[in-house]
Amino acid sequence: MAISGNFIDFDFSNENYTGQTFSGDFTGATFNGADLSGALLLGDFTDADFSGADLSGAVLSGTFTAATMPDGSTHS
């Protein structure tokens, strides 16, 4: 299953997206506590919040400017 399109400021928190493909504009989206293990994240994730998310084995490609990573750091 692929999640594709514009999901600006959308809340994907605390859900299981293991192995899913995300493609599009996810500016400001929240993935707090989501399981994204093995997921493919393609697109614009500017200001996205991945706090507490599981990104193990995930592939990230695109724009992650000012995105908050699972360890609380801010990607630049």
PDB file of N, CA and C in Angstrom:
ATOM      1  N   MET A   1       0.843  -1.176   0.000  1.00  0.00           N
ATOM      2  CA  MET A   1       0.000   0.000   0.000  1.00  0.00           C
ATOM      3  C   MET A   1       0.890   1.242   0.000  1.00  0.00           C
ATOM      4  N   ALA A   2       0.513   2.231  -0.749  1.00  0.00           N
ATOM      5  CA  ALA A   2       1.257   3.488  -0.794  1.00  0.00           C
ATOM      6  C   ALA A   2       0.372   4.631  -0.319  1.00  0.00           C
ATOM      7  N   ILE A   3       0.995   5.541   0.402  1.00  0.00           N
ATOM      8  CA  ILE A   3       0.315   6.754   0.839  1.00  0.00           C
ATOM      9  C   ILE A   3       0.947   7.881   0.045  1.00  0.00           C
ATOM     10  N   SER A   4       0.200   8.424  -0.897  1.00  0.00           N
ATOM     11  CA  SER A   4       0.764   9.390  -1.833  1.00  0.00           C
ATOM     12  C   SER A   4      -0.147  10.597  -1.979  1.00  0.00           C
ATOM     13  N   GLY A   5       0.467  11.785  -2.017  1.00  0.00           N
ATOM     14  CA  GLY A   5      -0.310  13.008  -2.195  1.00  0.00           C
ATOM     15  C   GLY A   5       0.169  14.114  -1.284  1.00  0.00           C
ATOM     16  N   ASN A   6      -0.716  15.038  -0.978  1.00  0.00           N
ATOM     17  CA  ASN A   6      -0.408  16.158  -0.089  1.00  0.00           C
ATOM     18  C   ASN A   6      -1.098  15.945   1.249  1.00  0.00           C
ATOM     19  N   PHE A   7      -0.294  15.779   2.287  1.00  0.00           N
ATOM     20  CA  PHE A   7      -0.797  15.547   3.642  1.00  0.00           C
ATOM     21  C   PHE A   7      -0.184  16.574   4.587  1.00  0.00           C
ATOM     22  N   ILE A   8      -0.300  17.841   4.245  1.00  0.00           N
ATOM     23  CA  ILE A   8       0.293  18.929   5.014  1.00  0.00           C
ATOM     24  C   ILE A   8      -0.384  19.019   6.381  1.00  0.00           C
ATOM     25  N   ASP A   9       0.449  19.012   7.434  1.00  0.00           N
ATOM     26  CA  ASP A   9      -0.005  19.085   8.833  1.00  0.00           C
ATOM     27  C   ASP A   9      -0.912  17.922   9.237  1.00  0.00           C
ATOM     28  N   PHE A  10      -0.837  16.805   8.554  1.00  0.00           N
ATOM     29  CA  PHE A  10      -1.657  15.631   8.863  1.00  0.00           C
ATOM     30  C   PHE A  10      -1.045  14.873  10.048  1.00  0.00           C
ATOM     31  N   ASP A  11      -1.857  14.202  10.837  1.00  0.00           N
ATOM     32  CA  ASP A  11      -1.401  13.464  12.012  1.00  0.00           C
ATOM     33  C   ASP A  11      -1.398  11.958  11.736  1.00  0.00           C
ATOM     34  N   PHE A  12      -0.185  11.388  11.651  1.00  0.00           N
ATOM     35  CA  PHE A  12      -0.006   9.951  11.446  1.00  0.00           C
ATOM     36  C   PHE A  12       0.481   9.278  12.737  1.00  0.00           C
ATOM     37  N   SER A  13       0.291   9.903  13.883  1.00  0.00           N
ATOM     38  CA  SER A  13       0.849   9.441  15.152  1.00  0.00           C
ATOM     39  C   SER A  13       0.296   8.095  15.602  1.00  0.00           C
ATOM     40  N   ASN A  14       1.198   7.351  16.275  1.00  0.00           N
ATOM     41  CA  ASN A  14       0.853   6.121  16.994  1.00  0.00           C
ATOM     42  C   ASN A  14       0.149   5.065  16.152  1.00  0.00           C
ATOM     43  N   GLU A  15       0.457   4.998  14.875  1.00  0.00           N
ATOM     44  CA  GLU A  15      -0.123   3.973  13.998  1.00  0.00           C
ATOM     45  C   GLU A  15       0.992   3.082  13.451  1.00  0.00           C
ATOM     46  N   ASN A  16       0.616   1.938  12.904  1.00  0.00           N
ATOM     47  CA  ASN A  16       1.577   1.004  12.335  1.00  0.00           C
ATOM     48  C   ASN A  16       1.620   1.166  10.815  1.00  0.00           C
ATOM     49  N   TYR A  17       2.757   1.655  10.320  1.00  0.00           N
ATOM     50  CA  TYR A  17       2.963   1.839   8.881  1.00  0.00           C
ATOM     51  C   TYR A  17       4.161   1.019   8.414  1.00  0.00           C
ATOM     52  N   THR A  18       4.391  -0.122   9.039  1.00  0.00           N
ATOM     53  CA  THR A  18       5.528  -0.967   8.708  1.00  0.00           C
ATOM     54  C   THR A  18       5.550  -1.289   7.218  1.00  0.00           C
ATOM     55  N   GLY A  19       6.690  -0.988   6.576  1.00  0.00           N
ATOM     56  CA  GLY A  19       6.884  -1.317   5.168  1.00  0.00           C
ATOM     57  C   GLY A  19       6.102  -0.479   4.173  1.00  0.00           C
ATOM     58  N   GLN A  20       5.399   0.541   4.628  1.00  0.00           N
ATOM     59  CA  GLN A  20       4.595   1.378   3.726  1.00  0.00           C
ATOM     60  C   GLN A  20       5.472   2.345   2.934  1.00  0.00           C
ATOM     61  N   THR A  21       4.965   2.819   1.815  1.00  0.00           N
ATOM     62  CA  THR A  21       5.625   3.843   1.015  1.00  0.00           C
ATOM     63  C   THR A  21       4.855   5.147   1.159  1.00  0.00           C
ATOM     64  N   PHE A  22       5.567   6.194   1.570  1.00  0.00           N
ATOM     65  CA  PHE A  22       5.007   7.544   1.673  1.00  0.00           C
ATOM     66  C   PHE A  22       5.645   8.384   0.582  1.00  0.00           C
ATOM     67  N   SER A  23       4.835   9.014  -0.245  1.00  0.00           N
ATOM     68  CA  SER A  23       5.358   9.829  -1.337  1.00  0.00           C
ATOM     69  C   SER A  23       4.510  11.079  -1.493  1.00  0.00           C
ATOM     70  N   GLY A  24       5.164  12.256  -1.473  1.00  0.00           N
ATOM     71  CA  GLY A  24       4.423  13.501  -1.657  1.00  0.00           C
ATOM     72  C   GLY A  24       4.875  14.591  -0.718  1.00  0.00           C
ATOM     73  N   ASP A  25       3.947  15.465  -0.372  1.00  0.00           N
ATOM     74  CA  ASP A  25       4.228  16.602   0.498  1.00  0.00           C
ATOM     75  C   ASP A  25       3.641  16.341   1.880  1.00  0.00           C
ATOM     76  N   PHE A  26       4.525  16.155   2.854  1.00  0.00           N
ATOM     77  CA  PHE A  26       4.138  15.873   4.235  1.00  0.00           C
ATOM     78  C   PHE A  26       4.642  16.980   5.163  1.00  0.00           C
ATOM     79  N   THR A  27       4.725  18.199   4.640  1.00  0.00           N
ATOM     80  CA  THR A  27       5.199  19.343   5.415  1.00  0.00           C
ATOM     81  C   THR A  27       4.396  19.490   6.707  1.00  0.00           C
ATOM     82  N   GLY A  28       5.106  19.513   7.836  1.00  0.00           N
ATOM     83  CA  GLY A  28       4.459  19.708   9.131  1.00  0.00           C
ATOM     84  C   GLY A  28       3.685  18.515   9.654  1.00  0.00           C
ATOM     85  N   ALA A  29       3.766  17.378   8.980  1.00  0.00           N
ATOM     86  CA  ALA A  29       3.039  16.186   9.428  1.00  0.00           C
ATOM     87  C   ALA A  29       3.646  15.645  10.723  1.00  0.00           C
ATOM     88  N   THR A  30       2.828  14.964  11.513  1.00  0.00           N
ATOM     89  CA  THR A  30       3.264  14.394  12.781  1.00  0.00           C
ATOM     90  C   THR A  30       3.233  12.873  12.691  1.00  0.00           C
ATOM     91  N   PHE A  31       4.385  12.247  12.996  1.00  0.00           N
ATOM     92  CA  PHE A  31       4.515  10.790  13.004  1.00  0.00           C
ATOM     93  C   PHE A  31       4.925  10.327  14.402  1.00  0.00           C
ATOM     94  N   ASN A  32       4.565  11.079  15.419  1.00  0.00           N
ATOM     95  CA  ASN A  32       4.967  10.824  16.790  1.00  0.00           C
ATOM     96  C   ASN A  32       4.521   9.432  17.240  1.00  0.00           C
ATOM     97  N   GLY A  33       5.491   8.574  17.584  1.00  0.00           N
ATOM     98  CA  GLY A  33       5.192   7.237  18.072  1.00  0.00           C
ATOM     99  C   GLY A  33       4.762   6.245  17.010  1.00  0.00           C
ATOM    100  N   ALA A  34       4.823   6.621  15.741  1.00  0.00           N
ATOM    101  CA  ALA A  34       4.399   5.718  14.658  1.00  0.00           C
ATOM    102  C   ALA A  34       5.462   4.657  14.385  1.00  0.00           C
ATOM    103  N   ASP A  35       5.030   3.473  13.970  1.00  0.00           N
ATOM    104  CA  ASP A  35       5.949   2.417  13.555  1.00  0.00           C
ATOM    105  C   ASP A  35       6.162   2.544  12.051  1.00  0.00           C
ATOM    106  N   LEU A  36       7.320   3.072  11.676  1.00  0.00           N
ATOM    107  CA  LEU A  36       7.675   3.258  10.267  1.00  0.00           C
ATOM    108  C   LEU A  36       8.826   2.338   9.875  1.00  0.00           C
ATOM    109  N   SER A  37       9.005   1.251  10.625  1.00  0.00           N
ATOM    110  CA  SER A  37      10.111   0.347  10.337  1.00  0.00           C
ATOM    111  C   SER A  37       9.965  -0.238   8.934  1.00  0.00           C
ATOM    112  N   GLY A  38      11.053  -0.169   8.173  1.00  0.00           N
ATOM    113  CA  GLY A  38      11.055  -0.682   6.808  1.00  0.00           C
ATOM    114  C   GLY A  38      10.291   0.167   5.813  1.00  0.00           C
ATOM    115  N   ALA A  39       9.828   1.333   6.227  1.00  0.00           N
ATOM    116  CA  ALA A  39       9.050   2.203   5.332  1.00  0.00           C
ATOM    117  C   ALA A  39       9.958   2.948   4.355  1.00  0.00           C
ATOM    118  N   LEU A  40       9.385   3.373   3.255  1.00  0.00           N
ATOM    119  CA  LEU A  40      10.068   4.187   2.255  1.00  0.00           C
ATOM    120  C   LEU A  40       9.424   5.565   2.288  1.00  0.00           C
ATOM    121  N   LEU A  41      10.191   6.585   2.699  1.00  0.00           N
ATOM    122  CA  LEU A  41       9.676   7.947   2.832  1.00  0.00           C
ATOM    123  C   LEU A  41      10.303   8.819   1.754  1.00  0.00           C
ATOM    124  N   LEU A  42       9.500   9.224   0.791  1.00  0.00           N
ATOM    125  CA  LEU A  42       9.969  10.022  -0.342  1.00  0.00           C
ATOM    126  C   LEU A  42       9.187  11.321  -0.405  1.00  0.00           C
ATOM    127  N   GLY A  43       9.877  12.448  -0.504  1.00  0.00           N
ATOM    128  CA  GLY A  43       9.150  13.701  -0.679  1.00  0.00           C
ATOM    129  C   GLY A  43       9.594  14.794   0.259  1.00  0.00           C
ATOM    130  N   ASP A  44       8.665  15.681   0.571  1.00  0.00           N
ATOM    131  CA  ASP A  44       8.942  16.846   1.402  1.00  0.00           C
ATOM    132  C   ASP A  44       8.389  16.618   2.805  1.00  0.00           C
ATOM    133  N   PHE A  45       9.299  16.495   3.766  1.00  0.00           N
ATOM    134  CA  PHE A  45       8.941  16.284   5.164  1.00  0.00           C
ATOM    135  C   PHE A  45       9.433  17.454   6.020  1.00  0.00           C
ATOM    136  N   THR A  46       9.491  18.650   5.425  1.00  0.00           N
ATOM    137  CA  THR A  46       9.918  19.848   6.142  1.00  0.00           C
ATOM    138  C   THR A  46       9.061  20.044   7.391  1.00  0.00           C
ATOM    139  N   ASP A  47       9.718  20.272   8.521  1.00  0.00           N
ATOM    140  CA  ASP A  47       9.049  20.493   9.815  1.00  0.00           C
ATOM    141  C   ASP A  47       8.231  19.298  10.299  1.00  0.00           C
ATOM    142  N   ALA A  48       8.430  18.127   9.732  1.00  0.00           N
ATOM    143  CA  ALA A  48       7.708  16.936  10.196  1.00  0.00           C
ATOM    144  C   ALA A  48       8.243  16.514  11.567  1.00  0.00           C
ATOM    145  N   ASP A  49       7.402  15.876  12.360  1.00  0.00           N
ATOM    146  CA  ASP A  49       7.770  15.439  13.706  1.00  0.00           C
ATOM    147  C   ASP A  49       7.767  13.916  13.765  1.00  0.00           C
ATOM    148  N   PHE A  50       8.972  13.335  13.897  1.00  0.00           N
ATOM    149  CA  PHE A  50       9.128  11.890  14.009  1.00  0.00           C
ATOM    150  C   PHE A  50       9.477  11.486  15.443  1.00  0.00           C
ATOM    151  N   SER A  51       9.170  12.323  16.429  1.00  0.00           N
ATOM    152  CA  SER A  51       9.494  12.041  17.830  1.00  0.00           C
ATOM    153  C   SER A  51       8.933  10.685  18.241  1.00  0.00           C
ATOM    154  N   GLY A  52       9.795   9.837  18.778  1.00  0.00           N
ATOM    155  CA  GLY A  52       9.357   8.540  19.263  1.00  0.00           C
ATOM    156  C   GLY A  52       8.980   7.546  18.186  1.00  0.00           C
ATOM    157  N   ALA A  53       9.165   7.902  16.921  1.00  0.00           N
ATOM    158  CA  ALA A  53       8.823   6.986  15.824  1.00  0.00           C
ATOM    159  C   ALA A  53       9.908   5.920  15.667  1.00  0.00           C
ATOM    160  N   ASP A  54       9.524   4.751  15.192  1.00  0.00           N
ATOM    161  CA  ASP A  54      10.471   3.683  14.893  1.00  0.00           C
ATOM    162  C   ASP A  54      10.818   3.767  13.413  1.00  0.00           C
ATOM    163  N   LEU A  55      12.042   4.212  13.115  1.00  0.00           N
ATOM    164  CA  LEU A  55      12.501   4.331  11.725  1.00  0.00           C
ATOM    165  C   LEU A  55      13.515   3.248  11.374  1.00  0.00           C
ATOM    166  N   SER A  56      13.568   2.167  12.161  1.00  0.00           N
ATOM    167  CA  SER A  56      14.549   1.122  11.899  1.00  0.00           C
ATOM    168  C   SER A  56      14.316   0.495  10.527  1.00  0.00           C
ATOM    169  N   GLY A  57      15.363   0.467   9.723  1.00  0.00           N
ATOM    170  CA  GLY A  57      15.279  -0.104   8.385  1.00  0.00           C
ATOM    171  C   GLY A  57      14.556   0.755   7.371  1.00  0.00           C
ATOM    172  N   ALA A  58      14.127   1.944   7.768  1.00  0.00           N
ATOM    173  CA  ALA A  58      13.413   2.842   6.847  1.00  0.00           C
ATOM    174  C   ALA A  58      14.396   3.518   5.895  1.00  0.00           C
ATOM    175  N   VAL A  59      13.919   3.854   4.707  1.00  0.00           N
ATOM    176  CA  VAL A  59      14.706   4.598   3.728  1.00  0.00           C
ATOM    177  C   VAL A  59      14.075   5.976   3.599  1.00  0.00           C
ATOM    178  N   LEU A  60      14.876   7.014   3.865  1.00  0.00           N
ATOM    179  CA  LEU A  60      14.393   8.395   3.811  1.00  0.00           C
ATOM    180  C   LEU A  60      15.078   9.115   2.662  1.00  0.00           C
ATOM    181  N   SER A  61      14.292   9.707   1.782  1.00  0.00           N
ATOM    182  CA  SER A  61      14.850  10.445   0.655  1.00  0.00           C
ATOM    183  C   SER A  61      13.963  11.641   0.362  1.00  0.00           C
ATOM    184  N   GLY A  62      14.562  12.814   0.353  1.00  0.00           N
ATOM    185  CA  GLY A  62      13.789  14.019   0.080  1.00  0.00           C
ATOM    186  C   GLY A  62      14.236  15.167   0.952  1.00  0.00           C
ATOM    187  N   THR A  63      13.307  16.038   1.283  1.00  0.00           N
ATOM    188  CA  THR A  63      13.590  17.221   2.088  1.00  0.00           C
ATOM    189  C   THR A  63      13.094  16.997   3.511  1.00  0.00           C
ATOM    190  N   PHE A  64      14.020  17.073   4.454  1.00  0.00           N
ATOM    191  CA  PHE A  64      13.698  16.877   5.866  1.00  0.00           C
ATOM    192  C   PHE A  64      14.154  18.080   6.693  1.00  0.00           C
ATOM    193  N   THR A  65      14.200  19.254   6.082  1.00  0.00           N
ATOM    194  CA  THR A  65      14.648  20.470   6.755  1.00  0.00           C
ATOM    195  C   THR A  65      13.810  20.735   8.004  1.00  0.00           C
ATOM    196  N   ALA A  66      14.494  20.912   9.130  1.00  0.00           N
ATOM    197  CA  ALA A  66      13.871  21.207  10.425  1.00  0.00           C
ATOM    198  C   ALA A  66      12.954  20.094  10.928  1.00  0.00           C
ATOM    199  N   ALA A  67      13.063  18.902  10.363  1.00  0.00           N
ATOM    200  CA  ALA A  67      12.277  17.768  10.863  1.00  0.00           C
ATOM    201  C   ALA A  67      12.851  17.301  12.197  1.00  0.00           C
ATOM    202  N   THR A  68      11.979  16.922  13.121  1.00  0.00           N
ATOM    203  CA  THR A  68      12.408  16.411  14.415  1.00  0.00           C
ATOM    204  C   THR A  68      12.527  14.900  14.320  1.00  0.00           C
ATOM    205  N   MET A  69      13.727  14.388  14.593  1.00  0.00           N
ATOM    206  CA  MET A  69      14.009  12.965  14.495  1.00  0.00           C
ATOM    207  C   MET A  69      13.611  12.243  15.793  1.00  0.00           C
ATOM    208  N   PRO A  70      13.553  10.896  15.775  1.00  0.00           N
ATOM    209  CA  PRO A  70      13.108  10.133  16.946  1.00  0.00           C
ATOM    210  C   PRO A  70      13.905  10.409  18.220  1.00  0.00           C
ATOM    211  N   ASP A  71      15.181  10.758  18.080  1.00  0.00           N
ATOM    212  CA  ASP A  71      15.997  11.019  19.267  1.00  0.00           C
ATOM    213  C   ASP A  71      15.855  12.456  19.771  1.00  0.00           C
ATOM    214  N   GLY A  72      14.972  13.236  19.153  1.00  0.00           N
ATOM    215  CA  GLY A  72      14.742  14.610  19.569  1.00  0.00           C
ATOM    216  C   GLY A  72      15.604  15.628  18.855  1.00  0.00           C
ATOM    217  N   SER A  73      16.568  15.146  18.044  1.00  0.00           N
ATOM    218  CA  SER A  73      17.419  16.072  17.302  1.00  0.00           C
ATOM    219  C   SER A  73      16.645  16.665  16.132  1.00  0.00           C
ATOM    220  N   THR A  74      17.114  17.800  15.645  1.00  0.00           N
ATOM    221  CA  THR A  74      16.478  18.450  14.502  1.00  0.00           C
ATOM    222  C   THR A  74      17.363  18.292  13.285  1.00  0.00           C
ATOM    223  N   HIS A  75      16.824  17.738  12.234  1.00  0.00           N
ATOM    224  CA  HIS A  75      17.571  17.541  10.997  1.00  0.00           C
ATOM    225  C   HIS A  75      17.699  18.871  10.280  1.00  0.00           C
ATOM    226  N   SER A  76      18.890  19.120   9.724  1.00  0.00           N
ATOM    227  CA  SER A  76      19.073  20.381   8.997  1.00  0.00           C
ATOM    228  C   SER A  76      19.586  20.136   7.593  1.00  0.00           C
TER     229      SER A  76
END
